[in-house]
Amino acid sequence: MEELLQVGIITQTHGLRGEVKVFPTTDDVKRFRQLKEVLLDTGKDKLVLEIEGVKFFKNLALLKFKGYDNINDIERYKGKSLYVTRENAVKLKKDEYFIADLIDLEVFDEDGTLLGVLTDVIETGANDVYAVRLTDGRELLLPAIRQCILEVDMEARRMKVHVMDGLMD
């Protein structure tokens, strides 16, 4: 399992005093209020950035990091990802999983036959959809609903599913 979980991507600077606009890759943009620090992936290493201020604009978070007080200090980080450690991640409810943990799970049908590997989670608004690369190379899109997702075993890295009529056609 991934030790770092992505919470956002710096899209651009905001103003001249070192604030940045962050596109959230988490379900709840307001969660940035609870964060004290994030890890910035520079491409070479991870920098710990202390969050000094949080505001919101439309669907974005506006963050101010301690020690970055000028647009020139922060501009080079546009397009870079922000992460949190697992201990700073949101607490999950029963039957909730981080997308990063679901990727690469083996997917089996009710009879125990290997169907393929989960390659992506598509967030649609109503319910997520799991993209499964089948063993024959085709792709299966499974709605993440109780009728289809029967069991998820994170320890064994496998998922048992019911493929509803018409989904394999």
N, C-alpha and C. Protein backbone atom coordinates (compact mmCIF):
# COMPACT_ATOMS: atom_id res chain seq x y z
N MET A 1 0.83 -1.18 0.00
CA MET A 1 0.00 0.00 0.00
C MET A 1 0.88 1.25 0.00
N GLU A 2 0.34 2.27 -0.63
CA GLU A 2 1.06 3.53 -0.70
C GLU A 2 1.17 4.16 0.69
N GLU A 3 2.33 4.69 1.02
CA GLU A 3 2.52 5.37 2.30
C GLU A 3 2.11 6.83 2.22
N LEU A 4 2.20 7.41 1.01
CA LEU A 4 1.81 8.80 0.79
C LEU A 4 0.56 8.83 -0.07
N LEU A 5 -0.37 9.70 0.29
CA LEU A 5 -1.62 9.83 -0.43
C LEU A 5 -1.74 11.24 -0.99
N GLN A 6 -2.02 11.34 -2.28
CA GLN A 6 -2.11 12.65 -2.92
C GLN A 6 -3.38 13.37 -2.46
N VAL A 7 -3.25 14.64 -2.10
CA VAL A 7 -4.41 15.44 -1.70
C VAL A 7 -4.65 16.62 -2.64
N GLY A 8 -3.68 16.94 -3.48
CA GLY A 8 -3.89 18.05 -4.40
C GLY A 8 -2.73 18.28 -5.33
N ILE A 9 -2.98 19.19 -6.29
CA ILE A 9 -1.96 19.58 -7.26
C ILE A 9 -1.94 21.11 -7.32
N ILE A 10 -0.76 21.69 -7.20
CA ILE A 10 -0.63 23.14 -7.30
C ILE A 10 -0.86 23.52 -8.76
N THR A 11 -1.91 24.31 -9.00
CA THR A 11 -2.22 24.68 -10.38
C THR A 11 -1.55 25.97 -10.80
N GLN A 12 -1.53 26.95 -9.89
CA GLN A 12 -0.88 28.22 -10.20
C GLN A 12 -0.71 29.04 -8.94
N THR A 13 0.02 30.13 -9.10
CA THR A 13 0.19 31.04 -7.96
C THR A 13 -1.06 31.90 -7.82
N HIS A 14 -1.20 32.53 -6.66
CA HIS A 14 -2.33 33.42 -6.40
C HIS A 14 -1.79 34.67 -5.72
N GLY A 15 -1.80 35.77 -6.44
CA GLY A 15 -1.27 37.01 -5.87
C GLY A 15 0.25 37.02 -5.85
N LEU A 16 0.78 37.96 -5.10
CA LEU A 16 2.23 38.15 -5.07
C LEU A 16 2.88 37.68 -3.78
N ARG A 17 2.09 37.26 -2.80
CA ARG A 17 2.62 36.95 -1.47
C ARG A 17 2.86 35.47 -1.21
N GLY A 18 2.96 34.67 -2.26
CA GLY A 18 3.33 33.27 -2.10
C GLY A 18 2.19 32.29 -1.95
N GLU A 19 0.96 32.73 -2.14
CA GLU A 19 -0.16 31.79 -2.07
C GLU A 19 -0.25 31.01 -3.37
N VAL A 20 -0.81 29.81 -3.27
CA VAL A 20 -1.00 28.97 -4.46
C VAL A 20 -2.44 28.46 -4.52
N LYS A 21 -2.90 28.23 -5.74
CA LYS A 21 -4.19 27.57 -5.96
C LYS A 21 -3.92 26.08 -6.07
N VAL A 22 -4.71 25.30 -5.32
CA VAL A 22 -4.52 23.85 -5.30
C VAL A 22 -5.80 23.18 -5.75
N PHE A 23 -5.69 22.35 -6.80
CA PHE A 23 -6.81 21.52 -7.23
C PHE A 23 -6.83 20.29 -6.32
N PRO A 24 -7.91 20.08 -5.57
CA PRO A 24 -7.93 18.95 -4.63
C PRO A 24 -8.13 17.62 -5.35
N THR A 25 -7.38 16.63 -4.93
CA THR A 25 -7.57 15.26 -5.43
C THR A 25 -8.11 14.39 -4.29
N THR A 26 -8.79 15.04 -3.37
CA THR A 26 -9.43 14.41 -2.24
C THR A 26 -10.92 14.71 -2.35
N ASP A 27 -11.75 13.90 -1.73
CA ASP A 27 -13.21 14.07 -1.82
C ASP A 27 -13.69 15.39 -1.24
N ASP A 28 -13.03 15.89 -0.21
CA ASP A 28 -13.51 17.06 0.50
C ASP A 28 -12.42 18.14 0.53
N VAL A 29 -12.62 19.20 -0.26
CA VAL A 29 -11.63 20.28 -0.31
C VAL A 29 -11.46 20.94 1.05
N LYS A 30 -12.48 20.92 1.89
CA LYS A 30 -12.42 21.56 3.21
C LYS A 30 -11.45 20.86 4.16
N ARG A 31 -11.00 19.65 3.80
CA ARG A 31 -10.08 18.92 4.67
C ARG A 31 -8.74 19.64 4.83
N PHE A 32 -8.44 20.58 3.93
CA PHE A 32 -7.19 21.34 4.04
C PHE A 32 -7.15 22.17 5.31
N ARG A 33 -8.33 22.49 5.86
CA ARG A 33 -8.36 23.24 7.13
C ARG A 33 -7.73 22.45 8.28
N GLN A 34 -7.86 21.13 8.25
CA GLN A 34 -7.33 20.30 9.33
C GLN A 34 -5.84 19.97 9.16
N LEU A 35 -5.31 20.20 7.98
CA LEU A 35 -3.92 19.83 7.73
C LEU A 35 -2.97 20.89 8.27
N LYS A 36 -1.92 20.43 8.92
CA LYS A 36 -0.88 21.34 9.41
C LYS A 36 0.29 21.39 8.43
N GLU A 37 0.51 20.26 7.72
CA GLU A 37 1.61 20.20 6.76
C GLU A 37 1.27 19.24 5.63
N VAL A 38 1.95 19.45 4.52
CA VAL A 38 1.84 18.56 3.36
C VAL A 38 3.25 18.29 2.84
N LEU A 39 3.37 17.28 2.02
CA LEU A 39 4.64 16.98 1.38
C LEU A 39 4.54 17.36 -0.08
N LEU A 40 5.48 18.15 -0.55
CA LEU A 40 5.52 18.59 -1.94
C LEU A 40 6.50 17.70 -2.69
N ASP A 41 6.03 17.09 -3.76
CA ASP A 41 6.90 16.26 -4.60
C ASP A 41 7.52 17.16 -5.67
N THR A 42 8.80 17.46 -5.52
CA THR A 42 9.49 18.35 -6.46
C THR A 42 9.95 17.62 -7.71
N GLY A 43 9.83 16.30 -7.71
CA GLY A 43 10.36 15.50 -8.80
C GLY A 43 11.66 14.84 -8.41
N LYS A 44 12.41 15.51 -7.53
CA LYS A 44 13.68 14.97 -7.04
C LYS A 44 13.55 14.48 -5.61
N ASP A 45 12.81 15.23 -4.79
CA ASP A 45 12.62 14.85 -3.40
C ASP A 45 11.29 15.37 -2.90
N LYS A 46 11.00 15.11 -1.64
CA LYS A 46 9.76 15.56 -1.02
C LYS A 46 10.09 16.63 0.02
N LEU A 47 9.48 17.80 -0.12
CA LEU A 47 9.66 18.88 0.84
C LEU A 47 8.48 18.93 1.78
N VAL A 48 8.74 19.08 3.07
CA VAL A 48 7.66 19.26 4.05
C VAL A 48 7.32 20.74 4.07
N LEU A 49 6.05 21.05 3.79
CA LEU A 49 5.59 22.43 3.79
C LEU A 49 4.56 22.62 4.89
N GLU A 50 4.81 23.59 5.76
CA GLU A 50 3.88 23.89 6.85
C GLU A 50 2.81 24.85 6.32
N ILE A 51 1.55 24.48 6.50
CA ILE A 51 0.45 25.31 6.03
C ILE A 51 0.21 26.43 7.02
N GLU A 52 0.29 27.67 6.52
CA GLU A 52 0.13 28.85 7.35
C GLU A 52 -1.28 29.44 7.21
N GLY A 53 -1.90 29.24 6.04
CA GLY A 53 -3.23 29.79 5.81
C GLY A 53 -3.98 29.01 4.76
N VAL A 54 -5.30 28.94 4.93
CA VAL A 54 -6.17 28.22 3.98
C VAL A 54 -7.39 29.07 3.70
N LYS A 55 -7.69 29.25 2.41
CA LYS A 55 -8.92 29.88 1.96
C LYS A 55 -9.49 29.00 0.85
N PHE A 56 -10.71 29.29 0.44
CA PHE A 56 -11.33 28.50 -0.62
C PHE A 56 -11.89 29.42 -1.69
N PHE A 57 -11.77 29.00 -2.93
CA PHE A 57 -12.29 29.75 -4.06
C PHE A 57 -12.84 28.74 -5.06
N LYS A 58 -14.16 28.76 -5.27
CA LYS A 58 -14.85 27.79 -6.13
C LYS A 58 -14.49 26.39 -5.64
N ASN A 59 -13.92 25.56 -6.50
CA ASN A 59 -13.58 24.20 -6.10
C ASN A 59 -12.10 24.06 -5.73
N LEU A 60 -11.41 25.17 -5.53
CA LEU A 60 -9.97 25.15 -5.24
C LEU A 60 -9.68 25.55 -3.81
N ALA A 61 -8.55 25.10 -3.31
CA ALA A 61 -8.02 25.56 -2.03
C ALA A 61 -6.91 26.57 -2.33
N LEU A 62 -6.90 27.66 -1.59
CA LEU A 62 -5.82 28.64 -1.69
C LEU A 62 -4.95 28.44 -0.45
N LEU A 63 -3.71 28.02 -0.66
CA LEU A 63 -2.83 27.71 0.47
C LEU A 63 -1.67 28.69 0.53
N LYS A 64 -1.28 28.99 1.76
CA LYS A 64 -0.11 29.80 2.04
C LYS A 64 0.81 28.95 2.91
N PHE A 65 2.05 28.78 2.46
CA PHE A 65 3.02 27.98 3.20
C PHE A 65 3.98 28.87 3.96
N LYS A 66 4.32 28.45 5.16
CA LYS A 66 5.25 29.19 6.01
C LYS A 66 6.62 29.27 5.33
N GLY A 67 7.17 30.47 5.29
CA GLY A 67 8.50 30.67 4.70
C GLY A 67 8.48 30.96 3.21
N TYR A 68 7.32 30.88 2.57
CA TYR A 68 7.19 31.19 1.15
C TYR A 68 6.32 32.44 1.04
N ASP A 69 6.96 33.59 1.04
CA ASP A 69 6.24 34.86 1.16
C ASP A 69 6.24 35.70 -0.12
N ASN A 70 6.73 35.12 -1.19
CA ASN A 70 6.85 35.86 -2.43
C ASN A 70 6.47 34.93 -3.58
N ILE A 71 5.87 35.48 -4.62
CA ILE A 71 5.50 34.68 -5.78
C ILE A 71 6.71 33.94 -6.38
N ASN A 72 7.87 34.57 -6.32
CA ASN A 72 9.08 33.95 -6.88
C ASN A 72 9.53 32.73 -6.08
N ASP A 73 9.19 32.68 -4.79
CA ASP A 73 9.57 31.54 -3.95
C ASP A 73 8.79 30.28 -4.33
N ILE A 74 7.57 30.45 -4.80
CA ILE A 74 6.66 29.33 -4.95
C ILE A 74 6.33 28.99 -6.41
N GLU A 75 6.60 29.90 -7.32
CA GLU A 75 6.20 29.74 -8.72
C GLU A 75 6.76 28.47 -9.37
N ARG A 76 7.94 28.06 -8.98
CA ARG A 76 8.57 26.88 -9.60
C ARG A 76 7.85 25.58 -9.25
N TYR A 77 6.90 25.63 -8.31
CA TYR A 77 6.19 24.41 -7.90
C TYR A 77 4.84 24.23 -8.59
N LYS A 78 4.53 25.09 -9.56
CA LYS A 78 3.29 24.92 -10.32
C LYS A 78 3.29 23.55 -10.99
N GLY A 79 2.15 22.86 -10.90
CA GLY A 79 2.02 21.53 -11.50
C GLY A 79 2.51 20.40 -10.62
N LYS A 80 3.04 20.71 -9.46
CA LYS A 80 3.57 19.67 -8.55
C LYS A 80 2.47 19.17 -7.61
N SER A 81 2.63 17.93 -7.19
CA SER A 81 1.63 17.27 -6.33
C SER A 81 1.93 17.46 -4.85
N LEU A 82 0.84 17.52 -4.08
CA LEU A 82 0.91 17.59 -2.62
C LEU A 82 0.40 16.29 -2.04
N TYR A 83 1.09 15.80 -1.02
CA TYR A 83 0.75 14.51 -0.40
C TYR A 83 0.63 14.66 1.11
N VAL A 84 -0.03 13.68 1.72
CA VAL A 84 -0.04 13.53 3.18
C VAL A 84 0.40 12.11 3.50
N THR A 85 0.90 11.92 4.69
CA THR A 85 1.23 10.58 5.15
C THR A 85 -0.06 9.88 5.58
N ARG A 86 -0.03 8.58 5.69
CA ARG A 86 -1.22 7.83 6.10
C ARG A 86 -1.75 8.30 7.45
N GLU A 87 -0.87 8.64 8.37
CA GLU A 87 -1.37 9.07 9.69
C GLU A 87 -2.09 10.42 9.62
N ASN A 88 -1.81 11.23 8.60
CA ASN A 88 -2.52 12.49 8.41
C ASN A 88 -3.70 12.39 7.44
N ALA A 89 -3.94 11.20 6.95
CA ALA A 89 -5.04 10.99 6.00
C ALA A 89 -6.37 10.98 6.76
N VAL A 90 -7.45 11.20 6.02
CA VAL A 90 -8.78 11.15 6.64
C VAL A 90 -9.06 9.73 7.09
N LYS A 91 -9.85 9.61 8.14
CA LYS A 91 -10.24 8.29 8.63
C LYS A 91 -11.36 7.75 7.75
N LEU A 92 -11.21 6.53 7.33
CA LEU A 92 -12.20 5.91 6.45
C LEU A 92 -13.27 5.20 7.24
N LYS A 93 -14.48 5.20 6.68
CA LYS A 93 -15.58 4.44 7.27
C LYS A 93 -15.50 3.01 6.76
N LYS A 94 -16.36 2.17 7.30
CA LYS A 94 -16.43 0.77 6.86
C LYS A 94 -16.75 0.75 5.36
N ASP A 95 -16.07 -0.12 4.64
CA ASP A 95 -16.23 -0.29 3.20
C ASP A 95 -15.83 0.93 2.38
N GLU A 96 -14.96 1.78 2.93
CA GLU A 96 -14.37 2.88 2.18
C GLU A 96 -12.88 2.59 2.02
N TYR A 97 -12.33 2.97 0.87
CA TYR A 97 -10.93 2.69 0.56
C TYR A 97 -10.32 3.87 -0.15
N PHE A 98 -9.03 4.04 0.00
CA PHE A 98 -8.31 5.04 -0.78
C PHE A 98 -8.13 4.49 -2.19
N ILE A 99 -8.31 5.36 -3.18
CA ILE A 99 -8.17 4.93 -4.57
C ILE A 99 -6.80 4.31 -4.81
N ALA A 100 -5.76 4.91 -4.25
CA ALA A 100 -4.40 4.38 -4.44
C ALA A 100 -4.28 2.94 -3.96
N ASP A 101 -5.06 2.56 -2.96
CA ASP A 101 -5.00 1.20 -2.43
C ASP A 101 -5.77 0.21 -3.30
N LEU A 102 -6.77 0.70 -4.04
CA LEU A 102 -7.57 -0.18 -4.89
C LEU A 102 -6.87 -0.54 -6.20
N ILE A 103 -6.04 0.36 -6.69
CA ILE A 103 -5.35 0.14 -7.96
C ILE A 103 -4.47 -1.12 -7.84
N ASP A 104 -4.56 -1.95 -8.86
CA ASP A 104 -3.80 -3.21 -8.99
C ASP A 104 -4.36 -4.37 -8.16
N LEU A 105 -5.56 -4.21 -7.58
CA LEU A 105 -6.19 -5.36 -6.93
C LEU A 105 -6.57 -6.38 -8.00
N GLU A 106 -6.40 -7.66 -7.69
CA GLU A 106 -6.89 -8.70 -8.59
C GLU A 106 -8.39 -8.81 -8.41
N VAL A 107 -9.12 -8.96 -9.51
CA VAL A 107 -10.58 -9.00 -9.48
C VAL A 107 -11.04 -10.39 -9.90
N PHE A 108 -11.85 -11.01 -9.03
CA PHE A 108 -12.36 -12.36 -9.25
C PHE A 108 -13.88 -12.32 -9.31
N ASP A 109 -14.46 -13.27 -10.08
CA ASP A 109 -15.92 -13.37 -10.08
C ASP A 109 -16.37 -14.22 -8.90
N GLU A 110 -17.67 -14.43 -8.79
CA GLU A 110 -18.24 -15.17 -7.65
C GLU A 110 -17.76 -16.61 -7.58
N ASP A 111 -17.36 -17.18 -8.73
CA ASP A 111 -16.89 -18.57 -8.77
C ASP A 111 -15.40 -18.69 -8.47
N GLY A 112 -14.73 -17.54 -8.27
CA GLY A 112 -13.30 -17.56 -7.99
C GLY A 112 -12.42 -17.49 -9.21
N THR A 113 -13.00 -17.23 -10.38
CA THR A 113 -12.24 -17.11 -11.61
C THR A 113 -11.65 -15.71 -11.71
N LEU A 114 -10.36 -15.65 -12.00
CA LEU A 114 -9.69 -14.36 -12.16
C LEU A 114 -10.22 -13.66 -13.40
N LEU A 115 -10.76 -12.46 -13.20
CA LEU A 115 -11.25 -11.66 -14.32
C LEU A 115 -10.16 -10.74 -14.85
N GLY A 116 -9.40 -10.14 -13.93
CA GLY A 116 -8.36 -9.20 -14.33
C GLY A 116 -7.87 -8.38 -13.17
N VAL A 117 -7.42 -7.16 -13.48
CA VAL A 117 -6.81 -6.27 -12.48
C VAL A 117 -7.50 -4.91 -12.55
N LEU A 118 -7.79 -4.35 -11.37
CA LEU A 118 -8.39 -3.03 -11.30
C LEU A 118 -7.32 -2.00 -11.67
N THR A 119 -7.61 -1.19 -12.70
CA THR A 119 -6.60 -0.26 -13.20
C THR A 119 -6.93 1.20 -12.91
N ASP A 120 -8.22 1.50 -12.66
CA ASP A 120 -8.59 2.90 -12.46
C ASP A 120 -9.91 2.98 -11.71
N VAL A 121 -10.11 4.10 -11.03
CA VAL A 121 -11.38 4.40 -10.37
C VAL A 121 -11.87 5.70 -10.99
N ILE A 122 -13.05 5.63 -11.60
CA ILE A 122 -13.64 6.79 -12.26
C ILE A 122 -14.71 7.35 -11.32
N GLU A 123 -14.54 8.61 -10.95
CA GLU A 123 -15.50 9.25 -10.05
C GLU A 123 -16.56 9.94 -10.89
N THR A 124 -17.81 9.46 -10.77
CA THR A 124 -18.89 9.96 -11.63
C THR A 124 -19.84 10.90 -10.91
N GLY A 125 -19.79 10.93 -9.61
CA GLY A 125 -20.73 11.74 -8.84
C GLY A 125 -21.75 10.85 -8.15
N ALA A 126 -22.47 10.05 -8.92
CA ALA A 126 -23.46 9.15 -8.33
C ALA A 126 -22.77 8.03 -7.56
N ASN A 127 -21.91 7.31 -8.22
CA ASN A 127 -21.09 6.27 -7.60
C ASN A 127 -19.83 6.11 -8.44
N ASP A 128 -18.78 5.63 -7.81
CA ASP A 128 -17.55 5.38 -8.54
C ASP A 128 -17.75 4.22 -9.50
N VAL A 129 -16.89 4.16 -10.51
CA VAL A 129 -16.88 3.06 -11.46
C VAL A 129 -15.46 2.51 -11.48
N TYR A 130 -15.34 1.19 -11.34
CA TYR A 130 -14.03 0.55 -11.35
C TYR A 130 -13.72 0.05 -12.76
N ALA A 131 -12.57 0.46 -13.28
CA ALA A 131 -12.10 -0.02 -14.58
C ALA A 131 -11.21 -1.23 -14.33
N VAL A 132 -11.58 -2.34 -14.95
CA VAL A 132 -10.86 -3.60 -14.76
C VAL A 132 -10.30 -4.04 -16.11
N ARG A 133 -8.97 -4.23 -16.18
CA ARG A 133 -8.35 -4.78 -17.39
C ARG A 133 -8.49 -6.29 -17.29
N LEU A 134 -9.31 -6.85 -18.19
CA LEU A 134 -9.57 -8.28 -18.18
C LEU A 134 -8.35 -9.06 -18.67
N THR A 135 -8.31 -10.33 -18.34
CA THR A 135 -7.17 -11.17 -18.73
C THR A 135 -7.03 -11.27 -20.24
N ASP A 136 -8.12 -11.06 -21.00
CA ASP A 136 -8.05 -11.11 -22.46
C ASP A 136 -7.75 -9.74 -23.08
N GLY A 137 -7.46 -8.73 -22.22
CA GLY A 137 -7.08 -7.42 -22.72
C GLY A 137 -8.21 -6.42 -22.82
N ARG A 138 -9.45 -6.88 -22.79
CA ARG A 138 -10.59 -5.95 -22.84
C ARG A 138 -10.71 -5.21 -21.51
N GLU A 139 -11.58 -4.19 -21.49
CA GLU A 139 -11.82 -3.44 -20.27
C GLU A 139 -13.27 -3.64 -19.82
N LEU A 140 -13.44 -3.86 -18.53
CA LEU A 140 -14.76 -3.99 -17.92
C LEU A 140 -14.95 -2.81 -16.99
N LEU A 141 -16.10 -2.13 -17.11
CA LEU A 141 -16.43 -1.03 -16.21
C LEU A 141 -17.49 -1.51 -15.24
N LEU A 142 -17.14 -1.54 -13.97
CA LEU A 142 -18.04 -2.05 -12.93
C LEU A 142 -18.48 -0.91 -12.02
N PRO A 143 -19.79 -0.72 -11.84
CA PRO A 143 -20.22 0.29 -10.88
C PRO A 143 -19.85 -0.16 -9.47
N ALA A 144 -19.37 0.77 -8.65
CA ALA A 144 -18.96 0.45 -7.28
C ALA A 144 -20.19 0.51 -6.38
N ILE A 145 -21.06 -0.48 -6.56
CA ILE A 145 -22.28 -0.60 -5.76
C ILE A 145 -22.30 -1.98 -5.12
N ARG A 146 -23.07 -2.10 -4.05
CA ARG A 146 -23.10 -3.36 -3.29
C ARG A 146 -23.50 -4.57 -4.13
N GLN A 147 -24.35 -4.35 -5.13
CA GLN A 147 -24.79 -5.47 -5.97
C GLN A 147 -23.65 -6.02 -6.82
N CYS A 148 -22.63 -5.21 -7.10
CA CYS A 148 -21.50 -5.65 -7.93
C CYS A 148 -20.25 -5.98 -7.12
N ILE A 149 -19.92 -5.15 -6.14
CA ILE A 149 -18.70 -5.35 -5.35
C ILE A 149 -19.08 -6.14 -4.11
N LEU A 150 -18.77 -7.42 -4.13
CA LEU A 150 -19.19 -8.32 -3.06
C LEU A 150 -18.24 -8.34 -1.87
N GLU A 151 -16.95 -8.25 -2.18
CA GLU A 151 -15.96 -8.34 -1.09
C GLU A 151 -14.65 -7.70 -1.54
N VAL A 152 -14.04 -6.96 -0.63
CA VAL A 152 -12.72 -6.39 -0.87
C VAL A 152 -11.82 -6.86 0.26
N ASP A 153 -10.74 -7.54 -0.11
CA ASP A 153 -9.78 -8.05 0.87
C ASP A 153 -8.45 -7.34 0.60
N MET A 154 -8.20 -6.28 1.36
CA MET A 154 -6.98 -5.50 1.14
C MET A 154 -5.72 -6.28 1.51
N GLU A 155 -5.83 -7.16 2.50
CA GLU A 155 -4.66 -7.96 2.90
C GLU A 155 -4.22 -8.89 1.77
N ALA A 156 -5.19 -9.55 1.14
CA ALA A 156 -4.89 -10.48 0.06
C ALA A 156 -4.78 -9.77 -1.29
N ARG A 157 -5.11 -8.46 -1.32
CA ARG A 157 -5.08 -7.65 -2.54
C ARG A 157 -5.98 -8.22 -3.63
N ARG A 158 -7.24 -8.53 -3.20
CA ARG A 158 -8.18 -9.09 -4.17
C ARG A 158 -9.59 -8.58 -3.90
N MET A 159 -10.41 -8.62 -4.94
CA MET A 159 -11.78 -8.16 -4.88
C MET A 159 -12.66 -9.22 -5.54
N LYS A 160 -13.78 -9.52 -4.88
CA LYS A 160 -14.76 -10.46 -5.45
C LYS A 160 -15.94 -9.65 -5.95
N VAL A 161 -16.35 -9.90 -7.19
CA VAL A 161 -17.40 -9.09 -7.80
C VAL A 161 -18.49 -9.96 -8.43
N HIS A 162 -19.64 -9.36 -8.60
CA HIS A 162 -20.73 -9.94 -9.38
C HIS A 162 -20.87 -9.07 -10.62
N VAL A 163 -20.70 -9.68 -11.80
CA VAL A 163 -20.81 -8.94 -13.05
C VAL A 163 -22.27 -9.03 -13.50
N MET A 164 -22.93 -7.89 -13.43
CA MET A 164 -24.35 -7.84 -13.80
C MET A 164 -24.53 -8.11 -15.30
N ASP A 165 -25.69 -8.64 -15.66
CA ASP A 165 -25.98 -8.94 -17.06
C ASP A 165 -25.79 -7.69 -17.91
N GLY A 166 -25.13 -7.86 -19.06
CA GLY A 166 -24.92 -6.78 -19.99
C GLY A 166 -23.61 -6.04 -19.84
N LEU A 167 -22.92 -6.19 -18.71
CA LEU A 167 -21.67 -5.47 -18.51
C LEU A 167 -20.49 -6.04 -19.29
N MET A 168 -20.54 -7.34 -19.61
CA MET A 168 -19.44 -7.98 -20.32
C MET A 168 -19.65 -7.99 -21.84
N ASP A 169 -20.80 -7.51 -22.29
CA ASP A 169 -21.09 -7.55 -23.73
C ASP A 169 -20.35 -6.49 -24.49
